[in-house]
Amino acid sequence: MEQIHTELDRATERRSELWHLLSNGHDATLSDELHELEGRIGRLWDEHRSLKAQQRFGDRDEIIKRARHEERLARAA
């Protein structure tokens, strides 16, 4: 989790730098880097949410397995 936060901090700082540089005029290379960085930030946030949910609720596969088991028990009752 700490590593994700560190990467997010670096990526968002770089994104700010890129927006500042691009405010001076269009540069295709910087624009491409910004686009890739936006995707990276999105993936990091997804990973962060997933890890946080796993810490709070447990393994996703185990949760699904328990829910299916409880559903079968409810239908059988």
C-alpha atoms as a PDB file:
ATOM      1  CA  MET A   1       0.000   0.000   0.000  1.00  0.00           C
ATOM      2  CA  GLU A   2       2.862   2.364   0.862  1.00  0.00           C
ATOM      3  CA  GLN A   3       4.539   1.672  -2.478  1.00  0.00           C
ATOM      4  CA  ILE A   4       1.322   2.516  -4.321  1.00  0.00           C
ATOM      5  CA  HIS A   5       1.039   5.801  -2.433  1.00  0.00           C
ATOM      6  CA  THR A   6       4.640   6.657  -3.299  1.00  0.00           C
ATOM      7  CA  GLU A   7       4.074   5.888  -6.988  1.00  0.00           C
ATOM      8  CA  LEU A   8       0.847   7.894  -6.994  1.00  0.00           C
ATOM      9  CA  ASP A   9       2.613  10.881  -5.445  1.00  0.00           C
ATOM     10  CA  ARG A  10       5.369  10.766  -8.057  1.00  0.00           C
ATOM     11  CA  ALA A  11       2.939  10.284 -10.921  1.00  0.00           C
ATOM     12  CA  THR A  12       0.626  13.109  -9.866  1.00  0.00           C
ATOM     13  CA  GLU A  13       3.605  15.422  -9.385  1.00  0.00           C
ATOM     14  CA  ARG A  14       4.850  14.588 -12.874  1.00  0.00           C
ATOM     15  CA  ARG A  15       1.334  15.084 -14.246  1.00  0.00           C
ATOM     16  CA  SER A  16       1.304  18.603 -12.776  1.00  0.00           C
ATOM     17  CA  GLU A  17       4.661  19.313 -14.378  1.00  0.00           C
ATOM     18  CA  LEU A  18       3.411  18.073 -17.739  1.00  0.00           C
ATOM     19  CA  TRP A  19       0.252  20.204 -17.554  1.00  0.00           C
ATOM     20  CA  HIS A  20       2.416  23.227 -16.765  1.00  0.00           C
ATOM     21  CA  LEU A  21       4.749  22.499 -19.690  1.00  0.00           C
ATOM     22  CA  LEU A  22       1.826  21.927 -22.035  1.00  0.00           C
ATOM     23  CA  SER A  23       0.272  25.244 -20.998  1.00  0.00           C
ATOM     24  CA  ASN A  24       3.154  26.911 -22.865  1.00  0.00           C
ATOM     25  CA  GLY A  25       2.148  25.213 -26.107  1.00  0.00           C
ATOM     26  CA  HIS A  26       1.356  21.831 -27.596  1.00  0.00           C
ATOM     27  CA  ASP A  27       4.117  19.238 -27.675  1.00  0.00           C
ATOM     28  CA  ALA A  28       3.186  15.813 -29.042  1.00  0.00           C
ATOM     29  CA  THR A  29       5.802  13.990 -26.958  1.00  0.00           C
ATOM     30  CA  LEU A  30       4.665  15.592 -23.705  1.00  0.00           C
ATOM     31  CA  SER A  31       1.042  15.030 -24.638  1.00  0.00           C
ATOM     32  CA  ASP A  32       1.717  11.323 -25.225  1.00  0.00           C
ATOM     33  CA  GLU A  33       3.564  11.073 -21.906  1.00  0.00           C
ATOM     34  CA  LEU A  34       0.635  12.751 -20.153  1.00  0.00           C
ATOM     35  CA  HIS A  35      -1.820  10.331 -21.737  1.00  0.00           C
ATOM     36  CA  GLU A  36       0.254   7.318 -20.620  1.00  0.00           C
ATOM     37  CA  LEU A  37       0.633   8.808 -17.150  1.00  0.00           C
ATOM     38  CA  GLU A  38      -3.132   9.299 -16.816  1.00  0.00           C
ATOM     39  CA  GLY A  39      -3.587   5.596 -17.568  1.00  0.00           C
ATOM     40  CA  ARG A  40      -0.913   4.669 -15.036  1.00  0.00           C
ATOM     41  CA  ILE A  41      -2.559   6.808 -12.348  1.00  0.00           C
ATOM     42  CA  GLY A  42      -5.909   5.166 -13.065  1.00  0.00           C
ATOM     43  CA  ARG A  43      -4.399   1.686 -12.759  1.00  0.00           C
ATOM     44  CA  LEU A  44      -2.671   2.622  -9.497  1.00  0.00           C
ATOM     45  CA  TRP A  45      -5.954   3.887  -8.030  1.00  0.00           C
ATOM     46  CA  ASP A  46      -7.673   0.664  -9.118  1.00  0.00           C
ATOM     47  CA  GLU A  47      -4.945  -1.368  -7.435  1.00  0.00           C
ATOM     48  CA  HIS A  48      -5.205   0.799  -4.310  1.00  0.00           C
ATOM     49  CA  ARG A  49      -8.987   0.308  -4.075  1.00  0.00           C
ATOM     50  CA  SER A  50      -8.614  -3.422  -4.628  1.00  0.00           C
ATOM     51  CA  LEU A  51      -5.991  -3.810  -1.900  1.00  0.00           C
ATOM     52  CA  LYS A  52      -8.008  -1.696   0.505  1.00  0.00           C
ATOM     53  CA  ALA A  53     -11.122  -3.791  -0.107  1.00  0.00           C
ATOM     54  CA  GLN A  54      -9.128  -6.986   0.321  1.00  0.00           C
ATOM     55  CA  GLN A  55      -7.704  -5.753   3.632  1.00  0.00           C
ATOM     56  CA  ARG A  56     -11.150  -4.781   4.852  1.00  0.00           C
ATOM     57  CA  PHE A  57     -13.273  -7.677   3.588  1.00  0.00           C
ATOM     58  CA  GLY A  58     -10.826 -10.464   2.751  1.00  0.00           C
ATOM     59  CA  ASP A  59      -9.972 -12.302  -0.428  1.00  0.00           C
ATOM     60  CA  ARG A  60     -12.464 -11.685  -3.259  1.00  0.00           C
ATOM     61  CA  ASP A  61     -12.618 -15.343  -4.283  1.00  0.00           C
ATOM     62  CA  GLU A  62     -13.347 -16.432  -0.705  1.00  0.00           C
ATOM     63  CA  ILE A  63     -16.141 -13.868  -0.409  1.00  0.00           C
ATOM     64  CA  ILE A  64     -17.727 -15.127  -3.628  1.00  0.00           C
ATOM     65  CA  LYS A  65     -17.379 -18.734  -2.494  1.00  0.00           C
ATOM     66  CA  ARG A  66     -19.081 -17.965   0.859  1.00  0.00           C
ATOM     67  CA  ALA A  67     -21.874 -16.016  -0.850  1.00  0.00           C
ATOM     68  CA  ARG A  68     -22.590 -18.882  -3.243  1.00  0.00           C
ATOM     69  CA  HIS A  69     -22.582 -21.342  -0.361  1.00  0.00           C
ATOM     70  CA  GLU A  70     -25.008 -19.181   1.632  1.00  0.00           C
ATOM     71  CA  GLU A  71     -27.216 -18.832  -1.447  1.00  0.00           C
ATOM     72  CA  ARG A  72     -27.345 -22.620  -1.860  1.00  0.00           C
ATOM     73  CA  LEU A  73     -28.236 -23.021   1.815  1.00  0.00           C
ATOM     74  CA  ALA A  74     -30.998 -20.432   1.525  1.00  0.00           C
ATOM     75  CA  ARG A  75     -32.475 -22.179  -1.519  1.00  0.00           C
ATOM     76  CA  ALA A  76     -32.351 -25.551   0.220  1.00  0.00           C
ATOM     77  CA  ALA A  77     -34.169 -24.237   3.310  1.00  0.00           C
END
